[in-house]
Amino acid sequence: MASRPRGSRPLRTLLAALVVTSVVVPVSGAARPAAVPAPAPRALAPLRDAGPDVLAERYAVNREGIRAAERMAEGHGDRARAEALRGMAGPARQFLSFDGRDGGRTTEVFGDLARAERIAVLVPGSDTNLDRYERLRSGAVALQRELGGRSAVIAWLGYETPSTVSPGVLSPARAAEAAPGLRAFAAAVAALRPTARISVLCHSYAAVVCGRAAPGLDVAHLVLFGSPGAGAENVSALRTPATVWAGRGDDDWIAHVPHGELQLPFGTVGLGADPVTPEFGARIFAAGPGGHSDYLKPGSLSLRNLARIVSGQAPSEERRDA
């Protein structure tokens, strides 16, 4: 039986949020990122070799795909999208996959995947697409620098993320659609680098994606941060062999989101229990005073602790935030 918000106030808040988003969506949906056309990506064989030459060839193929998408965006008159794609097609960028259609799906590598001993798969939350990709990239760059040598961070934008002002962000449905792809990708990375320690880091709504993908997700750590829930009542319900961590910044507004699930005739509303509560059962790491978008901020306690978890070290309680 699905869990339900406890008490009348969380229930009223959840239903109020649903009403608000249903009113806001028709207004906010006028300029969707998916409206910009892009060519179908070139079909690529499954990646079974992490050798430098094989990776370099794959990066080059996807670079050409990004340039093709840039030309189409330019022809469509979307100069902002074209400029973003021009930056993504830079010679130093490393994309394992790219599909510019329907808002965009990408998998970008930061660091040397061929030699990495520690790999973090970074999964973004709501409102992440090609038009807002830079914030995901900046966080991945900061994490890889914090990890240092023999590490790689993979930014996995492998699903259509919901808008923060949409009914979709209150439902696990989008996460359920994304979960098989994340599970398959993590398995592929493990096959490429069988001796590497792999962790999956899940920000915001991505925690629900990771929660749905957790059964069979054979990784060392599953890290939920800035999470509205993980689509489960507790760690046991995730049915994962990974060590589950959770953290929340002191100033993160997500703390005020009501937790629980509500079964309605049209589907499930709510994203499960709060991962930072003792009842959930995750290992808690200190995230410092930051807000919802500050977890990967250079110099932050949260970034430091995320890197320590990926490296197999105990998180620190010491604050060093500016």
Protein backbone atom coordinates (compact mmCIF):
# COMPACT_ATOMS: atom_id res chain seq x y z
CA MET A 1 0.00 0.00 0.00
CA ALA A 2 1.39 3.44 -0.89
CA SER A 3 2.41 5.76 1.91
CA ARG A 4 0.37 8.88 2.53
CA PRO A 5 1.30 12.28 3.94
CA ARG A 6 0.78 12.29 7.68
CA GLY A 7 -1.63 14.87 9.03
CA SER A 8 -3.99 17.19 7.23
CA ARG A 9 -1.54 20.04 6.63
CA PRO A 10 0.86 18.10 4.35
CA LEU A 11 -2.11 16.73 2.44
CA ARG A 12 -3.61 20.18 1.93
CA THR A 13 -0.22 21.56 0.92
CA LEU A 14 0.33 18.80 -1.60
CA LEU A 15 -3.07 19.26 -3.16
CA ALA A 16 -2.59 23.04 -3.22
CA ALA A 17 0.71 22.59 -5.04
CA LEU A 18 -1.00 20.40 -7.60
CA VAL A 19 -3.66 23.06 -8.21
CA VAL A 20 -1.06 25.84 -8.50
CA THR A 21 1.08 23.95 -11.00
CA SER A 22 -1.91 22.97 -13.11
CA VAL A 23 -2.76 26.68 -13.41
CA VAL A 24 0.79 27.85 -14.02
CA VAL A 25 1.75 25.26 -16.65
CA PRO A 26 -0.35 26.65 -19.53
CA VAL A 27 1.34 30.02 -19.02
CA SER A 28 4.90 28.75 -18.50
CA GLY A 29 4.76 26.20 -21.31
CA ALA A 30 4.73 28.79 -24.08
CA ALA A 31 8.46 28.56 -24.85
CA ARG A 32 9.45 24.92 -24.39
CA PRO A 33 13.04 23.82 -25.12
CA ALA A 34 11.60 20.86 -27.04
CA ALA A 35 10.24 23.25 -29.68
CA VAL A 36 13.70 23.69 -31.24
CA PRO A 37 14.23 21.04 -33.97
CA ALA A 38 17.32 18.84 -34.10
CA PRO A 39 18.44 15.97 -36.35
CA ALA A 40 18.22 12.34 -35.30
CA PRO A 41 21.57 11.24 -33.86
CA ARG A 42 23.77 8.82 -35.71
CA ALA A 43 23.23 5.24 -34.55
CA LEU A 44 26.20 4.03 -32.51
CA ALA A 45 27.12 0.54 -31.44
CA PRO A 46 27.12 -0.17 -27.70
CA LEU A 47 30.30 1.06 -26.06
CA ARG A 48 32.23 -2.03 -24.93
CA ASP A 49 35.77 -0.68 -24.76
CA ALA A 50 37.05 2.20 -22.62
CA GLY A 51 40.34 2.47 -24.50
CA PRO A 52 41.50 6.03 -25.25
CA ASP A 53 41.28 5.62 -29.03
CA VAL A 54 37.79 4.12 -28.90
CA LEU A 55 36.56 6.90 -26.63
CA ALA A 56 38.17 9.59 -28.78
CA GLU A 57 36.37 8.26 -31.87
CA ARG A 58 33.04 8.24 -30.07
CA TYR A 59 33.58 11.78 -28.78
CA ALA A 60 34.33 12.92 -32.35
CA VAL A 61 31.15 11.34 -33.74
CA ASN A 62 29.00 13.06 -31.14
CA ARG A 63 30.80 16.35 -31.72
CA GLU A 64 29.65 16.20 -35.33
CA GLY A 65 26.12 15.48 -34.14
CA ILE A 66 26.19 18.54 -31.91
CA ARG A 67 27.38 20.69 -34.82
CA ALA A 68 24.53 19.39 -36.96
CA ALA A 69 22.08 20.32 -34.21
CA GLU A 70 23.69 23.75 -33.98
CA ARG A 71 23.14 24.37 -37.68
CA MET A 72 19.51 23.33 -37.42
CA ALA A 73 18.93 25.57 -34.39
CA GLU A 74 20.52 28.47 -36.26
CA GLY A 75 18.26 27.84 -39.24
CA HIS A 76 15.28 27.75 -36.91
CA GLY A 77 16.25 31.21 -35.64
CA ASP A 78 17.12 30.15 -32.08
CA ARG A 79 20.46 31.85 -31.67
CA ALA A 80 20.67 31.12 -27.95
CA ARG A 81 20.37 27.38 -28.53
CA ALA A 82 22.83 27.55 -31.41
CA GLU A 83 25.37 29.38 -29.25
CA ALA A 84 24.99 26.83 -26.44
CA LEU A 85 25.54 23.99 -28.89
CA ARG A 86 28.56 25.73 -30.39
CA GLY A 87 30.17 25.66 -26.95
CA MET A 88 29.26 22.01 -26.45
CA ALA A 89 30.98 21.13 -29.74
CA GLY A 90 34.35 22.42 -28.50
CA PRO A 91 37.36 20.17 -29.15
CA ALA A 92 37.93 19.45 -25.46
CA ARG A 93 34.36 18.27 -24.78
CA GLN A 94 33.73 14.54 -24.37
CA PHE A 95 30.22 13.29 -25.13
CA LEU A 96 29.44 9.59 -24.99
CA SER A 97 26.00 10.36 -26.42
CA PHE A 98 24.05 13.32 -27.74
CA ASP A 99 20.49 13.74 -28.98
CA GLY A 100 19.32 17.31 -29.48
CA ARG A 101 15.65 16.44 -29.97
CA ASP A 102 12.85 17.07 -27.48
CA GLY A 103 14.88 19.31 -25.16
CA GLY A 104 18.02 17.21 -25.36
CA ARG A 105 19.61 14.04 -23.98
CA THR A 106 23.35 14.02 -23.34
CA THR A 107 26.04 12.04 -21.57
CA GLU A 108 29.25 14.01 -21.05
CA VAL A 109 32.49 12.83 -19.47
CA PHE A 110 34.74 15.04 -17.34
CA GLY A 111 38.16 13.58 -16.68
CA ASP A 112 39.86 10.51 -18.14
CA LEU A 113 37.32 7.69 -18.24
CA ALA A 114 39.86 5.27 -19.71
CA ARG A 115 41.97 5.40 -16.54
CA ALA A 116 39.49 6.43 -13.87
CA GLU A 117 39.50 4.52 -10.59
CA ARG A 118 36.62 6.58 -9.13
CA ILE A 119 33.60 7.41 -11.25
CA ALA A 120 30.65 9.61 -10.27
CA VAL A 121 27.51 9.51 -12.40
CA LEU A 122 25.79 12.84 -11.82
CA VAL A 123 22.03 12.86 -12.47
CA PRO A 124 20.31 16.28 -12.65
CA GLY A 125 16.85 17.26 -11.44
CA SER A 126 14.06 19.39 -12.83
CA ASP A 127 14.46 22.10 -15.47
CA THR A 128 17.65 20.62 -16.92
CA ASN A 129 17.86 20.62 -20.71
CA LEU A 130 20.10 21.94 -23.47
CA ASP A 131 19.12 25.54 -22.75
CA ARG A 132 20.11 25.16 -19.08
CA TYR A 133 22.88 22.63 -19.48
CA GLU A 134 25.66 24.94 -18.30
CA ARG A 135 24.73 24.63 -14.63
CA LEU A 136 25.00 20.82 -14.85
CA ARG A 137 28.34 21.14 -16.61
CA SER A 138 29.68 23.61 -14.04
CA GLY A 139 28.78 21.26 -11.20
CA ALA A 140 30.39 18.29 -12.93
CA VAL A 141 33.58 20.27 -13.57
CA ALA A 142 33.74 21.36 -9.91
CA LEU A 143 33.24 17.80 -8.67
CA GLN A 144 35.88 16.35 -10.98
CA ARG A 145 38.39 18.99 -9.84
CA GLU A 146 37.60 18.20 -6.21
CA LEU A 147 38.12 14.50 -6.85
CA GLY A 148 41.43 15.04 -8.58
CA GLY A 149 43.41 12.56 -10.67
CA ARG A 150 42.29 9.04 -11.56
CA SER A 151 38.66 10.16 -11.43
CA ALA A 152 35.87 10.87 -13.88
CA VAL A 153 32.48 12.51 -13.54
CA ILE A 154 29.76 11.62 -16.04
CA ALA A 155 26.88 14.07 -16.39
CA TRP A 156 23.92 11.87 -17.35
CA LEU A 157 21.05 13.86 -18.83
CA GLY A 158 19.33 10.75 -20.08
CA TYR A 159 15.71 11.67 -19.51
CA GLU A 160 13.18 14.44 -20.01
CA THR A 161 13.30 16.31 -16.73
CA PRO A 162 10.06 17.84 -15.45
CA SER A 163 9.57 21.57 -15.09
CA THR A 164 9.57 22.89 -11.54
CA VAL A 165 6.22 24.55 -12.30
CA SER A 166 4.39 21.51 -13.65
CA PRO A 167 2.31 18.66 -12.27
CA GLY A 168 5.06 16.31 -13.47
CA VAL A 169 7.42 17.43 -10.71
CA LEU A 170 4.92 16.20 -8.10
CA SER A 171 4.67 12.71 -9.62
CA PRO A 172 7.12 9.79 -9.85
CA ALA A 173 5.88 8.99 -13.38
CA ARG A 174 8.74 10.76 -15.19
CA ALA A 175 11.22 9.06 -12.86
CA ALA A 176 9.75 5.65 -13.59
CA GLU A 177 10.28 6.26 -17.31
CA ALA A 178 13.89 7.34 -16.77
CA ALA A 179 14.95 4.59 -14.36
CA PRO A 180 15.61 1.76 -16.84
CA GLY A 181 17.93 3.98 -18.85
CA LEU A 182 19.93 4.99 -15.79
CA ARG A 183 20.18 1.40 -14.61
CA ALA A 184 21.39 0.27 -18.04
CA PHE A 185 23.91 3.10 -18.25
CA ALA A 186 25.38 2.36 -14.81
CA ALA A 187 25.74 -1.30 -15.81
CA ALA A 188 27.52 -0.28 -19.01
CA VAL A 189 29.97 1.91 -17.10
CA ALA A 190 30.65 -0.95 -14.66
CA ALA A 191 31.38 -3.26 -17.60
CA LEU A 192 33.73 -0.69 -19.13
CA ARG A 193 35.62 -0.07 -15.89
CA PRO A 194 35.08 -3.20 -13.74
CA THR A 195 37.76 -2.23 -11.20
CA ALA A 196 36.52 1.33 -10.66
CA ARG A 197 34.44 2.49 -7.69
CA ILE A 198 31.19 3.85 -9.14
CA SER A 199 28.80 6.17 -7.33
CA VAL A 200 25.52 7.67 -8.54
CA LEU A 201 24.80 11.22 -7.33
CA CYS A 202 21.20 12.37 -7.55
CA HIS A 203 20.16 16.01 -7.17
CA SER A 204 16.60 17.16 -6.50
CA TYR A 205 14.01 15.30 -8.61
CA ALA A 206 16.81 12.99 -9.78
CA ALA A 207 16.62 11.36 -6.34
CA VAL A 208 13.27 9.93 -7.44
CA VAL A 209 14.86 8.67 -10.67
CA CYS A 210 17.64 7.04 -8.68
CA GLY A 211 15.17 5.59 -6.20
CA ARG A 212 13.24 3.93 -9.02
CA ALA A 213 16.48 2.70 -10.61
CA ALA A 214 17.94 1.46 -7.30
CA PRO A 215 16.90 -2.22 -7.49
CA GLY A 216 19.66 -3.84 -9.50
CA LEU A 217 21.79 -0.69 -9.54
CA ASP A 218 25.11 -2.31 -8.68
CA VAL A 219 27.17 0.67 -7.52
CA ALA A 220 29.12 1.49 -4.37
CA HIS A 221 27.15 4.58 -3.31
CA LEU A 222 23.78 6.12 -4.05
CA VAL A 223 23.79 9.76 -2.93
CA LEU A 224 20.59 11.82 -2.63
CA PHE A 225 20.98 15.57 -2.13
CA GLY A 226 18.46 18.39 -2.21
CA SER A 227 15.91 15.61 -2.50
CA PRO A 228 12.10 15.95 -2.34
CA GLY A 229 11.91 12.17 -1.83
CA ALA A 230 13.14 8.96 -3.43
CA GLY A 231 9.81 7.35 -4.26
CA ALA A 232 10.14 5.06 -1.23
CA GLU A 233 9.42 4.95 2.50
CA ASN A 234 12.95 3.95 3.54
CA VAL A 235 16.29 2.57 2.41
CA SER A 236 15.10 -1.03 2.64
CA ALA A 237 12.35 -0.28 0.12
CA LEU A 238 14.98 0.83 -2.39
CA ARG A 239 16.29 -2.76 -2.53
CA THR A 240 19.83 -1.73 -3.43
CA PRO A 241 23.21 -3.14 -2.41
CA ALA A 242 24.65 0.39 -2.51
CA THR A 243 25.33 2.47 0.57
CA VAL A 244 22.64 5.17 0.53
CA TRP A 245 23.59 8.70 1.60
CA ALA A 246 21.43 11.80 1.98
CA GLY A 247 22.20 15.47 2.59
CA ARG A 248 20.42 18.81 2.58
CA GLY A 249 21.76 22.35 2.75
CA ASP A 250 20.58 24.53 5.62
CA ASP A 251 18.98 27.04 3.23
CA ASP A 252 17.49 24.59 0.73
CA TRP A 253 13.82 25.37 0.12
CA ILE A 254 13.18 21.70 -0.63
CA ALA A 255 12.96 21.13 3.13
CA HIS A 256 9.50 22.74 3.05
CA VAL A 257 8.10 20.39 0.41
CA PRO A 258 5.54 18.00 1.95
CA HIS A 259 6.58 14.37 1.83
CA GLY A 260 4.57 11.23 1.23
CA GLU A 261 2.49 9.75 -1.59
CA LEU A 262 -1.15 10.15 -2.46
CA GLN A 263 -2.97 7.79 -4.80
CA LEU A 264 -5.45 9.66 -7.01
CA PRO A 265 -7.60 8.35 -9.88
CA PHE A 266 -5.18 9.70 -12.49
CA GLY A 267 -1.99 8.49 -10.79
CA THR A 268 0.35 9.01 -7.86
CA VAL A 269 1.06 12.46 -6.43
CA GLY A 270 3.99 12.88 -4.04
CA LEU A 271 7.55 11.61 -4.05
CA GLY A 272 7.87 9.52 -0.91
CA ALA A 273 9.44 9.96 2.50
CA ASP A 274 12.07 12.58 3.38
CA PRO A 275 15.52 10.97 2.84
CA VAL A 276 17.24 13.01 5.58
CA THR A 277 14.95 11.84 8.39
CA PRO A 278 16.19 9.13 10.77
CA GLU A 279 13.23 6.94 9.82
CA PHE A 280 14.38 6.77 6.20
CA GLY A 281 17.63 5.15 7.26
CA ALA A 282 20.19 6.77 4.93
CA ARG A 283 23.63 7.81 6.11
CA ILE A 284 23.54 11.58 6.53
CA PHE A 285 26.34 13.84 5.33
CA ALA A 286 26.74 17.51 6.24
CA ALA A 287 25.88 19.83 3.34
CA GLY A 288 26.59 23.19 4.95
CA PRO A 289 24.56 26.41 4.71
CA GLY A 290 23.91 26.36 0.97
CA GLY A 291 20.67 26.53 -0.97
CA HIS A 292 19.10 24.20 -3.51
CA SER A 293 21.54 25.02 -6.32
CA ASP A 294 24.71 25.23 -4.19
CA TYR A 295 25.66 21.60 -3.57
CA LEU A 296 28.39 21.56 -6.22
CA LYS A 297 29.61 25.08 -5.54
CA PRO A 298 33.43 25.25 -5.45
CA GLY A 299 34.73 25.52 -1.90
CA SER A 300 31.53 24.29 -0.28
CA LEU A 301 31.26 21.66 2.42
CA SER A 302 28.69 19.80 0.33
CA LEU A 303 31.06 19.52 -2.66
CA ARG A 304 33.85 18.37 -0.39
CA ASN A 305 31.69 15.68 1.18
CA LEU A 306 30.29 14.48 -2.12
CA ALA A 307 33.86 14.02 -3.36
CA ARG A 308 34.83 12.20 -0.16
CA ILE A 309 31.91 9.80 -0.52
CA VAL A 310 32.81 9.07 -4.15
CA SER A 311 36.40 8.45 -3.03
CA GLY A 312 35.31 6.03 -0.31
CA GLN A 313 36.17 8.36 2.57
CA ALA A 314 34.03 9.43 5.50
CA PRO A 315 32.34 12.82 5.06
CA SER A 316 33.62 15.76 7.06
CA GLU A 317 31.66 17.86 9.52
CA GLU A 318 34.08 20.78 9.20
CA ARG A 319 32.66 23.83 7.40
CA ARG A 320 34.85 25.66 4.97
CA ASP A 321 32.18 27.57 3.05
CA ALA A 322 33.00 31.15 2.18
